[in-house]
Amino acid sequence: MTTVNRRRLLTALALGGAGALAACASGTAARSRSASPGSGGTDALTLGLTYTPNIQFAPAYLALRNGDYAANVALRHHGAQEGLFDALLAGTEHAVVAGGDEAAVAASNGRELVVIGGYYQRYPVQVIVSQDSPVTTLADLRGRTVGLPGRSGETWYGLRLALDTAGLNQDDVTVQETGYTQVSALMTGKVDAIVGFSNNDAVQLGQAGFPVRGLDVAQTVPLLGASIVTSASVLAARRAELADAVVATARGMSAFVEDPDAAVEAARAYVPDLVDATQAAHAREVAVATAALIKPDEGSVIGALDRELVTSMVSFLGSHQLLGDTAVTPETICDPLLTV
């Protein structure tokens, strides 16, 4: 079994040096430039970065720019009509940055997915309210309208956990599916609270001059956020290459955490709007908020996976009837290629 241990990662980081949707590209230039920025060739190992070039993916941009990835590694942003794991399962991508909990749910619905590396060390979902809202605790959501994109994915899991934390059930709140307009829904008073991301929705609202407060969905969150996910078949065929890619991405994460200005500079190749000083400043705010999610607690390392957290995640998802008919265990869904 090929794994990467703590000493190898720390050595790699030393050799590498230390160095928002509000800032997303509005046109097609960024998408076309980011489709395959690594050269690769027919044996390319392609890392998927989901739908829109964004400062939140700058760890991968930095790793590619700094030469941390092998020469055959390419980065790819999804097409607008692709599902989260479609390209991975079709073989167009060989790994993807996606929610570990979303991967577990997909695996329970028959998709052979495996989480192989960490990305966020903290769960990004919060309940977000206006600064002057009477909602000061999760229990205050009783009788309120809560907006979120839909009843699936990380915001849905986060809401379910928030209600548990508050001792509430779904009947105690009005859930309003807003699509991806939850930010405007909160600003215009259509909802009392939204479930969103600390490094995205909360930052956007502040940048729009709408002060907010974020309420943690639990003191200890039994959910795994953004992670590096592959398929069982790719893992079996290209394990060593994937292990190297996990280490390289961790080096990019380290550079990202330590130097948000370098992250903005690297992202300019993918998000042309960042040539504008205001957009660049906004992107830097997102980078700082994202770095807070990536930075590990003392005793861990960037890019690590917590097996105990994976166990808690599977238990939570199962107990809330969020898993499908295919059995999922911590062992089947998690195979860390970087061990601490």
C-alpha atoms as a PDB file:
ATOM      1  CA  MET A   1       0.000   0.000   0.000  1.00  0.00           C
ATOM      2  CA  THR A   2       1.404   3.391  -0.996  1.00  0.00           C
ATOM      3  CA  THR A   3       0.873   6.092   1.605  1.00  0.00           C
ATOM      4  CA  VAL A   4       2.615   9.328   2.404  1.00  0.00           C
ATOM      5  CA  ASN A   5       3.599   9.765   6.015  1.00  0.00           C
ATOM      6  CA  ARG A   6       3.953  12.899   8.136  1.00  0.00           C
ATOM      7  CA  ARG A   7       7.740  13.082   7.752  1.00  0.00           C
ATOM      8  CA  ARG A   8       7.547  12.892   3.965  1.00  0.00           C
ATOM      9  CA  LEU A   9       4.916  15.634   3.861  1.00  0.00           C
ATOM     10  CA  LEU A  10       6.870  17.952   6.166  1.00  0.00           C
ATOM     11  CA  THR A  11       9.976  17.389   4.054  1.00  0.00           C
ATOM     12  CA  ALA A  12       7.994  18.182   0.908  1.00  0.00           C
ATOM     13  CA  LEU A  13       6.632  21.363   2.466  1.00  0.00           C
ATOM     14  CA  ALA A  14      10.107  22.457   3.510  1.00  0.00           C
ATOM     15  CA  LEU A  15      11.471  21.885   0.022  1.00  0.00           C
ATOM     16  CA  GLY A  16       8.556  23.842  -1.433  1.00  0.00           C
ATOM     17  CA  GLY A  17       9.191  26.907   0.716  1.00  0.00           C
ATOM     18  CA  ALA A  18       6.693  28.906   2.742  1.00  0.00           C
ATOM     19  CA  GLY A  19       5.452  31.290   1.076  1.00  0.00           C
ATOM     20  CA  ALA A  20     -15.069  33.905  -3.784  1.00  0.00           C
ATOM     21  CA  LEU A  21     -17.838  33.641  -5.594  1.00  0.00           C
ATOM     22  CA  ALA A  22     -17.911  37.396  -5.230  1.00  0.00           C
ATOM     23  CA  ALA A  23     -14.660  37.267  -7.152  1.00  0.00           C
ATOM     24  CA  CYS A  24     -15.657  34.704  -9.776  1.00  0.00           C
ATOM     25  CA  ALA A  25     -14.978  35.424 -13.411  1.00  0.00           C
ATOM     26  CA  SER A  26     -18.056  36.764 -15.119  1.00  0.00           C
ATOM     27  CA  GLY A  27     -17.161  35.779 -18.655  1.00  0.00           C
ATOM     28  CA  THR A  28     -15.904  32.720 -20.490  1.00  0.00           C
ATOM     29  CA  ALA A  29     -12.239  33.651 -20.599  1.00  0.00           C
ATOM     30  CA  ALA A  30     -11.458  32.166 -17.198  1.00  0.00           C
ATOM     31  CA  ARG A  31     -13.257  28.923 -17.959  1.00  0.00           C
ATOM     32  CA  SER A  32     -11.428  28.409 -21.233  1.00  0.00           C
ATOM     33  CA  ARG A  33      -8.043  29.199 -19.687  1.00  0.00           C
ATOM     34  CA  SER A  34      -8.585  26.778 -16.816  1.00  0.00           C
ATOM     35  CA  ALA A  35      -9.902  23.825 -18.786  1.00  0.00           C
ATOM     36  CA  SER A  36      -6.520  22.081 -18.890  1.00  0.00           C
ATOM     37  CA  PRO A  37      -3.722  24.316 -17.592  1.00  0.00           C
ATOM     38  CA  GLY A  38      -1.409  21.373 -17.021  1.00  0.00           C
ATOM     39  CA  SER A  39       0.088  19.880 -20.166  1.00  0.00           C
ATOM     40  CA  GLY A  40      -0.095  16.196 -19.222  1.00  0.00           C
ATOM     41  CA  GLY A  41      -0.747  14.337 -22.452  1.00  0.00           C
ATOM     42  CA  THR A  42      -2.583  11.084 -22.909  1.00  0.00           C
ATOM     43  CA  ASP A  43      -1.486   9.813 -19.479  1.00  0.00           C
ATOM     44  CA  ALA A  44      -2.545  13.002 -17.705  1.00  0.00           C
ATOM     45  CA  LEU A  45      -3.739  12.780 -14.139  1.00  0.00           C
ATOM     46  CA  THR A  46      -6.549  15.318 -14.034  1.00  0.00           C
ATOM     47  CA  LEU A  47      -7.695  16.995 -10.823  1.00  0.00           C
ATOM     48  CA  GLY A  48     -11.229  18.396 -11.002  1.00  0.00           C
ATOM     49  CA  LEU A  49     -11.946  21.728  -9.322  1.00  0.00           C
ATOM     50  CA  THR A  50     -15.706  21.903  -9.888  1.00  0.00           C
ATOM     51  CA  TYR A  51     -17.537  24.581 -11.693  1.00  0.00           C
ATOM     52  CA  THR A  52     -16.019  28.040 -11.575  1.00  0.00           C
ATOM     53  CA  PRO A  53     -12.421  29.270 -11.425  1.00  0.00           C
ATOM     54  CA  ASN A  54     -12.121  30.868  -8.004  1.00  0.00           C
ATOM     55  CA  ILE A  55      -9.625  31.974  -5.382  1.00  0.00           C
ATOM     56  CA  GLN A  56     -10.833  29.061  -3.226  1.00  0.00           C
ATOM     57  CA  PHE A  57      -8.998  26.716  -5.615  1.00  0.00           C
ATOM     58  CA  ALA A  58      -5.737  28.694  -5.435  1.00  0.00           C
ATOM     59  CA  PRO A  59      -3.954  25.912  -3.487  1.00  0.00           C
ATOM     60  CA  ALA A  60      -4.062  23.845  -6.690  1.00  0.00           C
ATOM     61  CA  TYR A  61      -3.190  26.869  -8.837  1.00  0.00           C
ATOM     62  CA  LEU A  62      -0.174  27.542  -6.606  1.00  0.00           C
ATOM     63  CA  ALA A  63       0.931  23.919  -6.632  1.00  0.00           C
ATOM     64  CA  LEU A  64       0.811  23.865 -10.426  1.00  0.00           C
ATOM     65  CA  ARG A  65       2.579  27.215 -10.788  1.00  0.00           C
ATOM     66  CA  ASN A  66       5.292  26.243  -8.293  1.00  0.00           C
ATOM     67  CA  GLY A  67       6.022  22.935 -10.022  1.00  0.00           C
ATOM     68  CA  ASP A  68       4.812  20.812  -7.121  1.00  0.00           C
ATOM     69  CA  TYR A  69       2.711  18.522  -9.314  1.00  0.00           C
ATOM     70  CA  ALA A  70       4.229  15.916 -11.610  1.00  0.00           C
ATOM     71  CA  ALA A  71       4.517  17.006 -15.234  1.00  0.00           C
ATOM     72  CA  ASN A  72       1.476  14.966 -16.272  1.00  0.00           C
ATOM     73  CA  VAL A  73      -0.933  16.558 -13.772  1.00  0.00           C
ATOM     74  CA  ALA A  74      -3.647  18.806 -15.211  1.00  0.00           C
ATOM     75  CA  LEU A  75      -6.337  20.910 -13.558  1.00  0.00           C
ATOM     76  CA  ARG A  76      -9.881  21.026 -14.880  1.00  0.00           C
ATOM     77  CA  HIS A  77     -12.993  23.018 -14.018  1.00  0.00           C
ATOM     78  CA  HIS A  78     -16.297  21.293 -14.709  1.00  0.00           C
ATOM     79  CA  GLY A  79     -18.778  22.244 -17.356  1.00  0.00           C
ATOM     80  CA  ALA A  80     -21.945  23.907 -16.101  1.00  0.00           C
ATOM     81  CA  GLN A  81     -24.097  20.848 -16.803  1.00  0.00           C
ATOM     82  CA  GLU A  82     -21.849  18.254 -15.161  1.00  0.00           C
ATOM     83  CA  GLY A  83     -22.730  16.609 -11.882  1.00  0.00           C
ATOM     84  CA  LEU A  84     -20.210  16.834  -9.085  1.00  0.00           C
ATOM     85  CA  PHE A  85     -18.745  13.369  -9.679  1.00  0.00           C
ATOM     86  CA  ASP A  86     -19.767  12.780 -13.297  1.00  0.00           C
ATOM     87  CA  ALA A  87     -16.385  13.540 -14.867  1.00  0.00           C
ATOM     88  CA  LEU A  88     -14.569  11.475 -12.263  1.00  0.00           C
ATOM     89  CA  LEU A  89     -16.749   8.444 -12.846  1.00  0.00           C
ATOM     90  CA  ALA A  90     -16.560   8.891 -16.623  1.00  0.00           C
ATOM     91  CA  GLY A  91     -12.751   8.944 -16.509  1.00  0.00           C
ATOM     92  CA  THR A  92     -12.388  12.554 -17.630  1.00  0.00           C
ATOM     93  CA  GLU A  93     -11.002  13.372 -14.179  1.00  0.00           C
ATOM     94  CA  HIS A  94      -9.012  11.177 -11.830  1.00  0.00           C
ATOM     95  CA  ALA A  95      -9.700  13.043  -8.614  1.00  0.00           C
ATOM     96  CA  VAL A  96     -11.922  15.942  -7.613  1.00  0.00           C
ATOM     97  CA  VAL A  97     -12.130  18.441  -4.775  1.00  0.00           C
ATOM     98  CA  ALA A  98     -15.579  17.895  -3.279  1.00  0.00           C
ATOM     99  CA  GLY A  99     -17.317  17.481   0.053  1.00  0.00           C
ATOM    100  CA  GLY A 100     -16.347  14.285   1.804  1.00  0.00           C
ATOM    101  CA  ASP A 101     -19.905  13.995   3.052  1.00  0.00           C
ATOM    102  CA  GLU A 102     -21.239  14.476  -0.477  1.00  0.00           C
ATOM    103  CA  ALA A 103     -18.910  11.680  -1.627  1.00  0.00           C
ATOM    104  CA  ALA A 104     -20.233   9.384   1.101  1.00  0.00           C
ATOM    105  CA  VAL A 105     -23.834  10.045   0.083  1.00  0.00           C
ATOM    106  CA  ALA A 106     -22.985   9.470  -3.592  1.00  0.00           C
ATOM    107  CA  ALA A 107     -21.190   6.228  -2.675  1.00  0.00           C
ATOM    108  CA  SER A 108     -24.300   5.068  -0.816  1.00  0.00           C
ATOM    109  CA  ASN A 109     -26.173   5.540  -4.071  1.00  0.00           C
ATOM    110  CA  GLY A 110     -23.940   3.152  -5.958  1.00  0.00           C
ATOM    111  CA  ARG A 111     -20.997   5.345  -6.968  1.00  0.00           C
ATOM    112  CA  GLU A 112     -17.626   3.834  -6.070  1.00  0.00           C
ATOM    113  CA  LEU A 113     -15.979   6.861  -4.507  1.00  0.00           C
ATOM    114  CA  VAL A 114     -13.120   7.073  -2.029  1.00  0.00           C
ATOM    115  CA  VAL A 115     -11.847  10.090  -0.076  1.00  0.00           C
ATOM    116  CA  ILE A 116      -8.041  10.077  -0.247  1.00  0.00           C
ATOM    117  CA  GLY A 117      -6.951  13.473   1.042  1.00  0.00           C
ATOM    118  CA  GLY A 118      -8.078  16.383   3.157  1.00  0.00           C
ATOM    119  CA  TYR A 119      -8.670  19.919   1.915  1.00  0.00           C
ATOM    120  CA  TYR A 120     -10.739  21.727   4.567  1.00  0.00           C
ATOM    121  CA  GLN A 121      -9.955  20.841   8.170  1.00  0.00           C
ATOM    122  CA  ARG A 122     -13.049  22.691   9.407  1.00  0.00           C
ATOM    123  CA  TYR A 123     -16.598  22.432   8.142  1.00  0.00           C
ATOM    124  CA  PRO A 124     -17.486  25.585   6.194  1.00  0.00           C
ATOM    125  CA  VAL A 125     -21.273  25.633   6.625  1.00  0.00           C
ATOM    126  CA  GLN A 126     -22.885  28.118   9.001  1.00  0.00           C
ATOM    127  CA  VAL A 127     -26.297  29.549   9.739  1.00  0.00           C
ATOM    128  CA  ILE A 128     -25.951  33.183   8.677  1.00  0.00           C
ATOM    129  CA  VAL A 129     -28.145  36.039   9.928  1.00  0.00           C
ATOM    130  CA  SER A 130     -28.018  39.816   9.667  1.00  0.00           C
ATOM    131  CA  GLN A 131     -25.969  41.590  12.316  1.00  0.00           C
ATOM    132  CA  ASP A 132     -29.093  43.068  13.925  1.00  0.00           C
ATOM    133  CA  SER A 133     -31.166  39.867  13.748  1.00  0.00           C
ATOM    134  CA  PRO A 134     -32.956  38.722  16.919  1.00  0.00           C
ATOM    135  CA  VAL A 135     -31.632  35.244  16.096  1.00  0.00           C
ATOM    136  CA  THR A 136     -28.624  34.961  18.375  1.00  0.00           C
ATOM    137  CA  THR A 137     -28.636  31.200  18.969  1.00  0.00           C
ATOM    138  CA  LEU A 138     -29.703  28.243  16.860  1.00  0.00           C
ATOM    139  CA  ALA A 139     -32.695  27.735  19.148  1.00  0.00           C
ATOM    140  CA  ASP A 140     -33.975  31.150  18.015  1.00  0.00           C
ATOM    141  CA  LEU A 141     -34.623  29.651  14.566  1.00  0.00           C
ATOM    142  CA  ARG A 142     -37.881  28.215  15.869  1.00  0.00           C
ATOM    143  CA  GLY A 143     -40.718  29.703  13.803  1.00  0.00           C
ATOM    144  CA  ARG A 144     -38.301  31.387  11.384  1.00  0.00           C
ATOM    145  CA  THR A 145     -37.790  30.998   7.635  1.00  0.00           C
ATOM    146  CA  VAL A 146     -34.432  29.544   6.667  1.00  0.00           C
ATOM    147  CA  GLY A 147     -33.145  29.755   3.089  1.00  0.00           C
ATOM    148  CA  LEU A 148     -30.772  27.307   1.424  1.00  0.00           C
ATOM    149  CA  PRO A 149     -30.135  26.150  -2.161  1.00  0.00           C
ATOM    150  CA  GLY A 150     -32.076  22.903  -1.836  1.00  0.00           C
ATOM    151  CA  ARG A 151     -32.600  19.764   0.210  1.00  0.00           C
ATOM    152  CA  SER A 152     -29.330  18.127  -0.732  1.00  0.00           C
ATOM    153  CA  GLY A 153     -25.629  18.733  -0.354  1.00  0.00           C
ATOM    154  CA  GLU A 154     -23.641  20.331   2.408  1.00  0.00           C
ATOM    155  CA  THR A 155     -26.020  23.165   3.265  1.00  0.00           C
ATOM    156  CA  TRP A 156     -28.831  20.638   3.761  1.00  0.00           C
ATOM    157  CA  TYR A 157     -26.639  18.427   5.946  1.00  0.00           C
ATOM    158  CA  GLY A 158     -25.554  21.525   7.860  1.00  0.00           C
ATOM    159  CA  LEU A 159     -29.144  22.589   8.487  1.00  0.00           C
ATOM    160  CA  ARG A 160     -30.070  19.119   9.744  1.00  0.00           C
ATOM    161  CA  LEU A 161     -27.149  19.275  12.170  1.00  0.00           C
ATOM    162  CA  ALA A 162     -28.023  22.814  13.282  1.00  0.00           C
ATOM    163  CA  LEU A 163     -31.566  21.728  14.097  1.00  0.00           C
ATOM    164  CA  ASP A 164     -30.235  18.787  16.102  1.00  0.00           C
ATOM    165  CA  THR A 165     -27.927  21.117  18.012  1.00  0.00           C
ATOM    166  CA  ALA A 166     -30.843  23.411  18.846  1.00  0.00           C
ATOM    167  CA  GLY A 167     -33.181  20.570  19.812  1.00  0.00           C
ATOM    168  CA  LEU A 168     -35.468  21.442  16.898  1.00  0.00           C
ATOM    169  CA  ASN A 169     -36.942  19.418  14.056  1.00  0.00           C
ATOM    170  CA  GLN A 170     -37.818  20.331  10.497  1.00  0.00           C
ATOM    171  CA  ASP A 171     -41.375  21.233  11.451  1.00  0.00           C
ATOM    172  CA  ASP A 172     -40.079  23.946  13.774  1.00  0.00           C
ATOM    173  CA  VAL A 173     -38.771  26.053  10.868  1.00  0.00           C
ATOM    174  CA  THR A 174     -39.914  26.970   7.378  1.00  0.00           C
ATOM    175  CA  VAL A 175     -37.337  25.780   4.871  1.00  0.00           C
ATOM    176  CA  GLN A 176     -37.269  27.903   1.724  1.00  0.00           C
ATOM    177  CA  GLU A 177     -35.357  26.535  -1.249  1.00  0.00           C
ATOM    178  CA  THR A 178     -33.769  29.585  -2.841  1.00  0.00           C
ATOM    179  CA  GLY A 179     -31.535  27.991  -5.439  1.00  0.00           C
ATOM    180  CA  TYR A 180     -28.307  29.925  -5.387  1.00  0.00           C
ATOM    181  CA  THR A 181     -29.969  33.226  -4.508  1.00  0.00           C
ATOM    182  CA  GLN A 182     -29.791  32.814  -0.737  1.00  0.00           C
ATOM    183  CA  VAL A 183     -27.555  35.872  -0.369  1.00  0.00           C
ATOM    184  CA  SER A 184     -30.104  38.192  -1.978  1.00  0.00           C
ATOM    185  CA  ALA A 185     -32.899  36.414  -0.106  1.00  0.00           C
ATOM    186  CA  LEU A 186     -31.313  37.375   3.198  1.00  0.00           C
ATOM    187  CA  MET A 187     -30.497  40.912   2.101  1.00  0.00           C
ATOM    188  CA  THR A 188     -34.058  41.574   0.952  1.00  0.00           C
ATOM    189  CA  GLY A 189     -35.670  40.031   4.027  1.00  0.00           C
ATOM    190  CA  LYS A 190     -37.294  37.126   2.196  1.00  0.00           C
ATOM    191  CA  VAL A 191     -35.808  34.799   4.780  1.00  0.00           C
ATOM    192  CA  ASP A 192     -34.736  35.240   8.388  1.00  0.00           C
ATOM    193  CA  ALA A 193     -31.556  33.220   8.017  1.00  0.00           C
ATOM    194  CA  ILE A 194     -29.637  31.298   5.397  1.00  0.00           C
ATOM    195  CA  VAL A 195     -27.430  28.246   5.517  1.00  0.00           C
ATOM    196  CA  GLY A 196     -24.256  29.100   3.648  1.00  0.00           C
ATOM    197  CA  PHE A 197     -20.476  29.040   3.656  1.00  0.00           C
ATOM    198  CA  SER A 198     -18.234  31.049   5.952  1.00  0.00           C
ATOM    199  CA  ASN A 199     -15.742  31.672   3.141  1.00  0.00           C
ATOM    200  CA  ASN A 200     -18.340  32.465   0.491  1.00  0.00           C
ATOM    201  CA  ASP A 201     -21.825  33.664   1.408  1.00  0.00           C
ATOM    202  CA  ALA A 202     -20.765  35.389   4.626  1.00  0.00           C
ATOM    203  CA  VAL A 203     -17.902  37.157   2.855  1.00  0.00           C
ATOM    204  CA  GLN A 204     -20.107  38.198  -0.064  1.00  0.00           C
ATOM    205  CA  LEU A 205     -22.657  39.741   2.280  1.00  0.00           C
ATOM    206  CA  GLY A 206     -20.023  41.726   4.122  1.00  0.00           C
ATOM    207  CA  GLN A 207     -18.531  42.955   0.860  1.00  0.00           C
ATOM    208  CA  ALA A 208     -22.001  44.103  -0.192  1.00  0.00           C
ATOM    209  CA  GLY A 209     -22.249  46.259   2.924  1.00  0.00           C
ATOM    210  CA  PHE A 210     -24.610  43.907   4.732  1.00  0.00           C
ATOM    211  CA  PRO A 211     -23.046  42.957   8.095  1.00  0.00           C
ATOM    212  CA  VAL A 212     -23.811  39.426   9.240  1.00  0.00           C
ATOM    213  CA  ARG A 213     -23.174  36.975  12.040  1.00  0.00           C
ATOM    214  CA  GLY A 214     -22.377  33.311  11.509  1.00  0.00           C
ATOM    215  CA  LEU A 215     -23.701  30.682  13.912  1.00  0.00           C
ATOM    216  CA  ASP A 216     -21.796  27.402  14.044  1.00  0.00           C
ATOM    217  CA  VAL A 217     -24.033  24.438  13.253  1.00  0.00           C
ATOM    218  CA  ALA A 218     -22.508  22.453  16.140  1.00  0.00           C
ATOM    219  CA  GLN A 219     -19.653  22.714  18.587  1.00  0.00           C
ATOM    220  CA  THR A 220     -18.153  19.567  17.057  1.00  0.00           C
ATOM    221  CA  VAL A 221     -19.257  18.923  13.475  1.00  0.00           C
ATOM    222  CA  PRO A 222     -19.506  15.230  12.479  1.00  0.00           C
ATOM    223  CA  LEU A 223     -19.221  16.056   8.780  1.00  0.00           C
ATOM    224  CA  LEU A 224     -16.294  16.107   6.377  1.00  0.00           C
ATOM    225  CA  GLY A 225     -16.063  19.158   4.152  1.00  0.00           C
ATOM    226  CA  ALA A 226     -14.023  19.721   0.996  1.00  0.00           C
ATOM    227  CA  SER A 227     -11.680  16.790   0.409  1.00  0.00           C
ATOM    228  CA  ILE A 228      -9.810  15.098  -2.417  1.00  0.00           C
ATOM    229  CA  VAL A 229     -11.970  12.306  -3.816  1.00  0.00           C
ATOM    230  CA  THR A 230     -11.212   9.623  -6.390  1.00  0.00           C
ATOM    231  CA  SER A 231     -12.906   6.472  -7.694  1.00  0.00           C
ATOM    232  CA  ALA A 232     -12.084   2.975  -6.512  1.00  0.00           C
ATOM    233  CA  SER A 233     -10.869   1.981  -9.978  1.00  0.00           C
ATOM    234  CA  VAL A 234      -8.524   4.952 -10.366  1.00  0.00           C
ATOM    235  CA  LEU A 235      -7.175   4.402  -6.863  1.00  0.00           C
ATOM    236  CA  ALA A 236      -6.374   0.786  -7.684  1.00  0.00           C
ATOM    237  CA  ALA A 237      -4.671   1.681 -10.966  1.00  0.00           C
ATOM    238  CA  ARG A 238      -2.830   4.909 -10.060  1.00  0.00           C
ATOM    239  CA  ARG A 239      -2.357   4.895  -6.318  1.00  0.00           C
ATOM    240  CA  ALA A 240       1.249   6.141  -6.283  1.00  0.00           C
ATOM    241  CA  GLU A 241       0.450   9.014  -8.663  1.00  0.00           C
ATOM    242  CA  LEU A 242      -2.536  10.003  -6.565  1.00  0.00           C
ATOM    243  CA  ALA A 243      -0.411   9.938  -3.407  1.00  0.00           C
ATOM    244  CA  ASP A 244       2.072  12.292  -5.030  1.00  0.00           C
ATOM    245  CA  ALA A 245      -0.780  14.570  -6.131  1.00  0.00           C
ATOM    246  CA  VAL A 246      -2.149  14.683  -2.569  1.00  0.00           C
ATOM    247  CA  VAL A 247       1.282  15.745  -1.274  1.00  0.00           C
ATOM    248  CA  ALA A 248       1.616  18.355  -4.029  1.00  0.00           C
ATOM    249  CA  THR A 249      -1.820  19.766  -3.263  1.00  0.00           C
ATOM    250  CA  ALA A 250      -0.899  19.933   0.425  1.00  0.00           C
ATOM    251  CA  ARG A 251       2.174  21.951  -0.496  1.00  0.00           C
ATOM    252  CA  GLY A 252      -0.097  24.305  -2.426  1.00  0.00           C
ATOM    253  CA  MET A 253      -2.392  24.536   0.618  1.00  0.00           C
ATOM    254  CA  SER A 254       0.555  25.456   2.809  1.00  0.00           C
ATOM    255  CA  ALA A 255       1.613  28.222   0.421  1.00  0.00           C
ATOM    256  CA  PHE A 256      -1.998  29.428   0.246  1.00  0.00           C
ATOM    257  CA  VAL A 257      -2.377  29.648   4.021  1.00  0.00           C
ATOM    258  CA  GLU A 258       0.912  31.455   4.487  1.00  0.00           C
ATOM    259  CA  ASP A 259       0.625  33.976   1.644  1.00  0.00           C
ATOM    260  CA  PRO A 260      -2.871  35.073   0.537  1.00  0.00           C
ATOM    261  CA  ASP A 261      -1.333  37.672  -1.787  1.00  0.00           C
ATOM    262  CA  ALA A 262       0.514  34.931  -3.673  1.00  0.00           C
ATOM    263  CA  ALA A 263      -2.791  33.064  -3.869  1.00  0.00           C
ATOM    264  CA  VAL A 264      -4.475  36.051  -5.514  1.00  0.00           C
ATOM    265  CA  GLU A 265      -1.585  36.399  -7.945  1.00  0.00           C
ATOM    266  CA  ALA A 266      -1.763  32.714  -8.922  1.00  0.00           C
ATOM    267  CA  ALA A 267      -5.548  32.917  -9.347  1.00  0.00           C
ATOM    268  CA  ARG A 268      -5.245  35.771 -11.872  1.00  0.00           C
ATOM    269  CA  ALA A 269      -4.294  33.264 -14.569  1.00  0.00           C
ATOM    270  CA  TYR A 270      -7.707  31.631 -14.067  1.00  0.00           C
ATOM    271  CA  VAL A 271      -9.862  34.593 -13.024  1.00  0.00           C
ATOM    272  CA  PRO A 272      -9.007  37.551 -15.299  1.00  0.00           C
ATOM    273  CA  ASP A 273     -11.313  39.849 -13.290  1.00  0.00           C
ATOM    274  CA  LEU A 274      -8.662  39.888 -10.575  1.00  0.00           C
ATOM    275  CA  VAL A 275      -6.654  42.447 -12.517  1.00  0.00           C
ATOM    276  CA  ASP A 276      -9.161  44.897 -11.017  1.00  0.00           C
ATOM    277  CA  ALA A 277      -7.900  46.099  -7.621  1.00  0.00           C
ATOM    278  CA  THR A 278     -11.306  45.908  -5.959  1.00  0.00           C
ATOM    279  CA  GLN A 279     -11.930  42.374  -7.196  1.00  0.00           C
ATOM    280  CA  ALA A 280      -8.444  41.379  -6.072  1.00  0.00           C
ATOM    281  CA  ALA A 281      -9.093  42.790  -2.597  1.00  0.00           C
ATOM    282  CA  HIS A 282     -12.365  40.888  -2.408  1.00  0.00           C
ATOM    283  CA  ALA A 283     -10.610  37.703  -3.493  1.00  0.00           C
ATOM    284  CA  ARG A 284      -8.003  38.200  -0.788  1.00  0.00           C
ATOM    285  CA  GLU A 285     -10.758  38.319   1.832  1.00  0.00           C
ATOM    286  CA  VAL A 286     -12.089  35.014   0.528  1.00  0.00           C
ATOM    287  CA  ALA A 287      -8.561  33.590   0.591  1.00  0.00           C
ATOM    288  CA  VAL A 288      -8.116  34.529   4.247  1.00  0.00           C
ATOM    289  CA  ALA A 289     -11.495  33.016   5.166  1.00  0.00           C
ATOM    290  CA  THR A 290     -10.675  29.866   3.204  1.00  0.00           C
ATOM    291  CA  ALA A 291      -7.245  29.588   4.827  1.00  0.00           C
ATOM    292  CA  ALA A 292      -8.985  29.438   8.204  1.00  0.00           C
ATOM    293  CA  LEU A 293     -10.784  26.302   6.973  1.00  0.00           C
ATOM    294  CA  ILE A 294      -7.649  24.687   5.536  1.00  0.00           C
ATOM    295  CA  LYS A 295      -5.274  25.353   8.441  1.00  0.00           C
ATOM    296  CA  PRO A 296      -5.160  22.324  10.754  1.00  0.00           C
ATOM    297  CA  ASP A 297      -5.205  22.234  14.517  1.00  0.00           C
ATOM    298  CA  GLU A 298      -1.959  21.705  16.371  1.00  0.00           C
ATOM    299  CA  GLY A 299      -0.893  18.077  16.149  1.00  0.00           C
ATOM    300  CA  SER A 300      -2.153  17.579  12.600  1.00  0.00           C
ATOM    301  CA  VAL A 301      -0.865  18.576   9.179  1.00  0.00           C
ATOM    302  CA  ILE A 302      -2.380  20.258   6.170  1.00  0.00           C
ATOM    303  CA  GLY A 303      -4.094  17.763   3.895  1.00  0.00           C
ATOM    304  CA  ALA A 304      -4.653  15.128   6.564  1.00  0.00           C
ATOM    305  CA  LEU A 305      -7.829  13.076   7.009  1.00  0.00           C
ATOM    306  CA  ASP A 306      -9.308  12.308  10.423  1.00  0.00           C
ATOM    307  CA  ARG A 307     -10.546   8.700  10.467  1.00  0.00           C
ATOM    308  CA  GLU A 308     -12.599   9.310  13.607  1.00  0.00           C
ATOM    309  CA  LEU A 309     -14.369  12.186  11.864  1.00  0.00           C
ATOM    310  CA  VAL A 310     -15.158   9.920   8.908  1.00  0.00           C
ATOM    311  CA  THR A 311     -16.679   7.403  11.306  1.00  0.00           C
ATOM    312  CA  SER A 312     -18.813  10.135  12.899  1.00  0.00           C
ATOM    313  CA  MET A 313     -19.855  11.369   9.463  1.00  0.00           C
ATOM    314  CA  VAL A 314     -21.096   7.970   8.305  1.00  0.00           C
ATOM    315  CA  SER A 315     -23.017   7.572  11.551  1.00  0.00           C
ATOM    316  CA  PHE A 316     -24.635  11.017  11.273  1.00  0.00           C
ATOM    317  CA  LEU A 317     -25.631  10.606   7.635  1.00  0.00           C
ATOM    318  CA  GLY A 318     -27.067   7.169   8.293  1.00  0.00           C
ATOM    319  CA  SER A 319     -29.032   8.216  11.360  1.00  0.00           C
ATOM    320  CA  HIS A 320     -30.627  11.067   9.395  1.00  0.00           C
ATOM    321  CA  GLN A 321     -31.679   8.844   6.481  1.00  0.00           C
ATOM    322  CA  LEU A 322     -29.356  10.687   4.123  1.00  0.00           C
ATOM    323  CA  LEU A 323     -27.647   7.560   2.789  1.00  0.00           C
ATOM    324  CA  GLY A 324     -28.875   5.367  -0.043  1.00  0.00           C
ATOM    325  CA  ASP A 325     -29.160   1.599  -0.306  1.00  0.00           C
ATOM    326  CA  THR A 326     -25.486   0.764  -0.889  1.00  0.00           C
ATOM    327  CA  ALA A 327     -23.651   0.053   2.353  1.00  0.00           C
ATOM    328  CA  VAL A 328     -21.015   2.648   3.231  1.00  0.00           C
ATOM    329  CA  THR A 329     -18.449   2.188   5.978  1.00  0.00           C
ATOM    330  CA  PRO A 330     -15.549   4.377   7.075  1.00  0.00           C
ATOM    331  CA  GLU A 331     -13.207   1.807   5.552  1.00  0.00           C
ATOM    332  CA  THR A 332     -14.871   1.795   2.130  1.00  0.00           C
ATOM    333  CA  ILE A 333     -15.267   5.569   1.840  1.00  0.00           C
ATOM    334  CA  CYS A 334     -11.907   6.675   3.280  1.00  0.00           C
ATOM    335  CA  ASP A 335      -8.388   5.578   2.285  1.00  0.00           C
ATOM    336  CA  PRO A 336      -5.960   8.340   3.311  1.00  0.00           C
ATOM    337  CA  LEU A 337      -2.898   8.621   1.107  1.00  0.00           C
ATOM    338  CA  LEU A 338      -1.323  10.975   3.624  1.00  0.00           C
ATOM    339  CA  THR A 339      -1.098   9.578   7.131  1.00  0.00           C
ATOM    340  CA  VAL A 340      -0.326  11.569  10.268  1.00  0.00           C
END
